[in-house]
N, C-alpha and C. Protein backbone atom coordinates (compact mmCIF):
# COMPACT_ATOMS: atom_id res chain seq x y z
N GLY A 1 0.73 -1.15 0.00
CA GLY A 1 0.00 0.00 0.00
C GLY A 1 0.82 1.29 0.00
N ILE A 2 0.10 2.27 -0.35
CA ILE A 2 0.66 3.61 -0.39
C ILE A 2 0.54 4.23 1.01
N PRO A 3 1.63 4.73 1.55
CA PRO A 3 1.55 5.36 2.87
C PRO A 3 0.75 6.65 2.81
N ILE A 4 0.00 6.90 3.86
CA ILE A 4 -0.79 8.13 3.93
C ILE A 4 -0.53 8.85 5.24
N VAL A 5 -0.80 10.13 5.23
CA VAL A 5 -0.81 10.93 6.44
C VAL A 5 -2.24 11.46 6.54
N ASP A 6 -2.98 10.96 7.52
CA ASP A 6 -4.39 11.30 7.69
C ASP A 6 -4.49 12.55 8.57
N CYS A 7 -4.64 13.69 7.94
CA CYS A 7 -4.66 14.97 8.67
C CYS A 7 -5.87 15.09 9.59
N ASP A 8 -7.01 14.53 9.20
CA ASP A 8 -8.17 14.56 10.08
C ASP A 8 -7.89 13.77 11.36
N GLN A 9 -7.27 12.61 11.20
CA GLN A 9 -6.95 11.79 12.37
C GLN A 9 -5.90 12.48 13.24
N ILE A 10 -4.94 13.11 12.61
CA ILE A 10 -3.92 13.85 13.36
C ILE A 10 -4.57 14.96 14.17
N ALA A 11 -5.46 15.71 13.54
CA ALA A 11 -6.14 16.82 14.24
C ALA A 11 -6.93 16.30 15.43
N PHE A 12 -7.50 15.12 15.31
CA PHE A 12 -8.22 14.51 16.42
C PHE A 12 -7.25 14.05 17.51
N ASP A 13 -6.18 13.39 17.09
CA ASP A 13 -5.23 12.80 18.05
C ASP A 13 -4.45 13.83 18.86
N VAL A 14 -4.09 14.94 18.24
CA VAL A 14 -3.21 15.89 18.95
C VAL A 14 -3.91 16.63 20.08
N VAL A 15 -5.22 16.49 20.18
CA VAL A 15 -5.93 17.13 21.29
C VAL A 15 -6.54 16.11 22.25
N ARG A 16 -6.01 14.89 22.24
CA ARG A 16 -6.46 13.90 23.22
C ARG A 16 -6.10 14.38 24.62
N GLN A 17 -6.88 13.96 25.58
CA GLN A 17 -6.71 14.40 26.96
C GLN A 17 -5.27 14.23 27.42
N ASP A 18 -4.76 15.27 28.06
CA ASP A 18 -3.41 15.34 28.65
C ASP A 18 -2.29 15.48 27.62
N SER A 19 -2.62 15.66 26.35
CA SER A 19 -1.58 15.91 25.35
C SER A 19 -1.23 17.39 25.33
N TRP A 20 -0.15 17.71 24.64
CA TRP A 20 0.29 19.10 24.50
C TRP A 20 -0.79 19.93 23.80
N GLY A 21 -1.38 19.41 22.73
CA GLY A 21 -2.43 20.14 22.02
C GLY A 21 -3.65 20.36 22.90
N TYR A 22 -4.02 19.36 23.67
CA TYR A 22 -5.14 19.47 24.61
C TYR A 22 -4.88 20.60 25.60
N ARG A 23 -3.69 20.63 26.17
CA ARG A 23 -3.35 21.68 27.14
C ARG A 23 -3.39 23.05 26.48
N ARG A 24 -2.99 23.15 25.23
CA ARG A 24 -3.04 24.43 24.52
C ARG A 24 -4.48 24.89 24.32
N VAL A 25 -5.38 23.96 24.00
CA VAL A 25 -6.79 24.31 23.81
C VAL A 25 -7.39 24.77 25.14
N VAL A 26 -7.12 24.03 26.21
CA VAL A 26 -7.66 24.41 27.52
C VAL A 26 -7.08 25.74 27.97
N GLU A 27 -5.81 25.98 27.66
CA GLU A 27 -5.21 27.28 27.99
C GLU A 27 -5.89 28.41 27.21
N ALA A 28 -6.24 28.15 25.97
CA ALA A 28 -6.86 29.18 25.12
C ALA A 28 -8.32 29.45 25.50
N PHE A 29 -9.06 28.42 25.94
CA PHE A 29 -10.49 28.56 26.16
C PHE A 29 -10.93 28.35 27.61
N GLY A 30 -10.08 27.81 28.44
CA GLY A 30 -10.46 27.54 29.82
C GLY A 30 -11.20 26.22 29.95
N THR A 31 -11.55 25.91 31.17
CA THR A 31 -12.20 24.63 31.45
C THR A 31 -13.64 24.57 30.95
N GLN A 32 -14.17 25.68 30.47
CA GLN A 32 -15.55 25.68 29.94
C GLN A 32 -15.70 24.76 28.73
N VAL A 33 -14.59 24.37 28.09
CA VAL A 33 -14.67 23.51 26.92
C VAL A 33 -14.47 22.04 27.27
N LEU A 34 -14.49 21.72 28.56
CA LEU A 34 -14.28 20.34 28.99
C LEU A 34 -15.60 19.69 29.41
N GLN A 35 -15.67 18.40 29.14
CA GLN A 35 -16.78 17.59 29.65
C GLN A 35 -16.45 17.22 31.11
N GLU A 36 -17.39 16.61 31.79
CA GLU A 36 -17.18 16.23 33.18
C GLU A 36 -16.00 15.26 33.34
N ASN A 37 -15.78 14.40 32.34
CA ASN A 37 -14.70 13.42 32.43
C ASN A 37 -13.34 14.00 32.02
N GLY A 38 -13.30 15.28 31.67
CA GLY A 38 -12.05 15.93 31.31
C GLY A 38 -11.75 15.98 29.82
N ASP A 39 -12.50 15.21 29.02
CA ASP A 39 -12.31 15.27 27.57
C ASP A 39 -12.82 16.61 27.04
N LEU A 40 -12.31 16.98 25.88
CA LEU A 40 -12.82 18.19 25.24
C LEU A 40 -14.26 17.97 24.82
N ASP A 41 -15.07 18.98 24.99
CA ASP A 41 -16.45 18.96 24.52
C ASP A 41 -16.43 19.45 23.08
N ARG A 42 -16.25 18.52 22.17
CA ARG A 42 -16.05 18.86 20.76
C ARG A 42 -17.26 19.57 20.17
N ALA A 43 -18.45 19.18 20.57
CA ALA A 43 -19.67 19.84 20.06
C ALA A 43 -19.70 21.30 20.51
N LYS A 44 -19.38 21.55 21.75
CA LYS A 44 -19.38 22.92 22.26
C LYS A 44 -18.32 23.75 21.55
N ILE A 45 -17.14 23.18 21.38
CA ILE A 45 -16.06 23.88 20.69
C ILE A 45 -16.46 24.16 19.25
N ARG A 46 -17.02 23.17 18.59
CA ARG A 46 -17.45 23.34 17.19
C ARG A 46 -18.43 24.50 17.07
N ASN A 47 -19.42 24.55 17.95
CA ASN A 47 -20.39 25.64 17.92
C ASN A 47 -19.72 26.99 18.16
N MET A 48 -18.77 27.03 19.08
CA MET A 48 -18.06 28.29 19.37
C MET A 48 -17.30 28.78 18.15
N ILE A 49 -16.54 27.88 17.52
CA ILE A 49 -15.65 28.34 16.45
C ILE A 49 -16.38 28.59 15.14
N ILE A 50 -17.55 27.97 14.98
CA ILE A 50 -18.35 28.25 13.78
C ILE A 50 -18.98 29.63 13.87
N LYS A 51 -19.45 29.99 15.05
CA LYS A 51 -20.19 31.24 15.24
C LYS A 51 -19.31 32.45 15.51
N ASP A 52 -18.07 32.23 15.97
CA ASP A 52 -17.27 33.34 16.47
C ASP A 52 -15.86 33.29 15.87
N LYS A 53 -15.57 34.24 14.98
CA LYS A 53 -14.27 34.24 14.31
C LYS A 53 -13.10 34.35 15.29
N PRO A 54 -13.14 35.22 16.31
CA PRO A 54 -12.02 35.24 17.26
C PRO A 54 -11.79 33.89 17.95
N SER A 55 -12.87 33.17 18.24
CA SER A 55 -12.72 31.83 18.83
C SER A 55 -12.06 30.87 17.84
N ARG A 56 -12.46 30.97 16.58
CA ARG A 56 -11.87 30.12 15.53
C ARG A 56 -10.38 30.40 15.40
N LEU A 57 -10.01 31.68 15.45
CA LEU A 57 -8.59 32.04 15.35
C LEU A 57 -7.80 31.53 16.57
N ARG A 58 -8.41 31.60 17.76
CA ARG A 58 -7.76 31.07 18.97
C ARG A 58 -7.56 29.56 18.85
N MET A 59 -8.58 28.87 18.34
CA MET A 59 -8.47 27.42 18.16
C MET A 59 -7.37 27.09 17.16
N ASN A 60 -7.34 27.81 16.06
CA ASN A 60 -6.28 27.59 15.06
C ASN A 60 -4.91 27.81 15.68
N LYS A 61 -4.77 28.87 16.45
CA LYS A 61 -3.49 29.16 17.08
C LYS A 61 -3.09 28.05 18.06
N ALA A 62 -4.07 27.50 18.75
CA ALA A 62 -3.79 26.46 19.73
C ALA A 62 -3.46 25.12 19.09
N THR A 63 -4.04 24.83 17.93
CA THR A 63 -3.90 23.49 17.37
C THR A 63 -2.99 23.36 16.16
N HIS A 64 -2.77 24.42 15.42
CA HIS A 64 -2.02 24.28 14.17
C HIS A 64 -0.58 23.83 14.38
N LEU A 65 0.08 24.33 15.40
CA LEU A 65 1.47 23.90 15.63
C LEU A 65 1.55 22.42 16.00
N PRO A 66 0.76 21.93 16.96
CA PRO A 66 0.82 20.49 17.24
C PRO A 66 0.45 19.64 16.02
N ILE A 67 -0.51 20.09 15.23
CA ILE A 67 -0.88 19.34 14.02
C ILE A 67 0.28 19.33 13.03
N ALA A 68 0.88 20.48 12.79
CA ALA A 68 1.98 20.56 11.83
C ALA A 68 3.17 19.71 12.26
N ILE A 69 3.48 19.72 13.54
CA ILE A 69 4.61 18.92 14.03
C ILE A 69 4.33 17.43 13.84
N GLU A 70 3.13 17.00 14.19
CA GLU A 70 2.78 15.58 14.02
C GLU A 70 2.80 15.18 12.55
N MET A 71 2.29 16.04 11.68
CA MET A 71 2.33 15.75 10.24
C MET A 71 3.77 15.60 9.77
N ALA A 72 4.63 16.52 10.19
CA ALA A 72 6.04 16.46 9.79
C ALA A 72 6.69 15.18 10.30
N GLN A 73 6.41 14.81 11.53
CA GLN A 73 6.99 13.58 12.08
C GLN A 73 6.54 12.36 11.29
N GLN A 74 5.25 12.31 10.96
CA GLN A 74 4.76 11.16 10.20
C GLN A 74 5.34 11.13 8.78
N LEU A 75 5.42 12.29 8.14
CA LEU A 75 6.01 12.34 6.80
C LEU A 75 7.47 11.91 6.83
N PHE A 76 8.22 12.39 7.83
CA PHE A 76 9.61 12.00 7.94
C PHE A 76 9.74 10.51 8.19
N ALA A 77 8.91 9.97 9.07
CA ALA A 77 8.97 8.53 9.37
C ALA A 77 8.70 7.70 8.12
N GLN A 78 7.72 8.13 7.32
CA GLN A 78 7.42 7.39 6.09
C GLN A 78 8.58 7.50 5.10
N TRP A 79 9.12 8.68 4.95
CA TRP A 79 10.27 8.87 4.06
C TRP A 79 11.44 8.00 4.51
N TYR A 80 11.70 8.00 5.80
CA TYR A 80 12.83 7.25 6.36
C TYR A 80 12.66 5.75 6.11
N ARG A 81 11.44 5.25 6.33
CA ARG A 81 11.19 3.82 6.07
C ARG A 81 11.42 3.49 4.61
N GLN A 82 11.00 4.37 3.71
CA GLN A 82 11.20 4.13 2.28
C GLN A 82 12.68 4.17 1.93
N GLU A 83 13.42 5.10 2.54
CA GLU A 83 14.86 5.16 2.30
C GLU A 83 15.55 3.88 2.77
N LEU A 84 15.15 3.38 3.93
CA LEU A 84 15.73 2.13 4.43
C LEU A 84 15.43 0.99 3.49
N GLU A 85 14.20 0.94 3.00
CA GLU A 85 13.81 -0.12 2.05
C GLU A 85 14.63 0.01 0.77
N TYR A 86 14.85 1.22 0.30
CA TYR A 86 15.64 1.45 -0.91
C TYR A 86 17.07 0.97 -0.69
N LEU A 87 17.64 1.23 0.48
CA LEU A 87 19.02 0.83 0.76
C LEU A 87 19.16 -0.68 0.88
N ARG A 88 18.12 -1.38 1.25
CA ARG A 88 18.16 -2.84 1.38
C ARG A 88 18.16 -3.53 0.02
N THR A 89 17.66 -2.85 -1.01
CA THR A 89 17.54 -3.50 -2.32
C THR A 89 18.80 -3.35 -3.13
């Protein structure tokens, strides 16, 4: 198969509870965006960022760097594996 980098999955993963991206979102919006169990309340956040441009910009600022770093790491890992495979042949 062809290796892929699933940006939607990355965006979901980088804000899992207790991750760096999660802490950035909570820092940007406060605990009002958390469910009782500590997970992000994605529906509440979605409504906030759809209706309010400053909220959308805050969310982008909080999440784009963790997303970009994870994408770069995955792309590098895939490139590296292909290079190793090339060297073996």
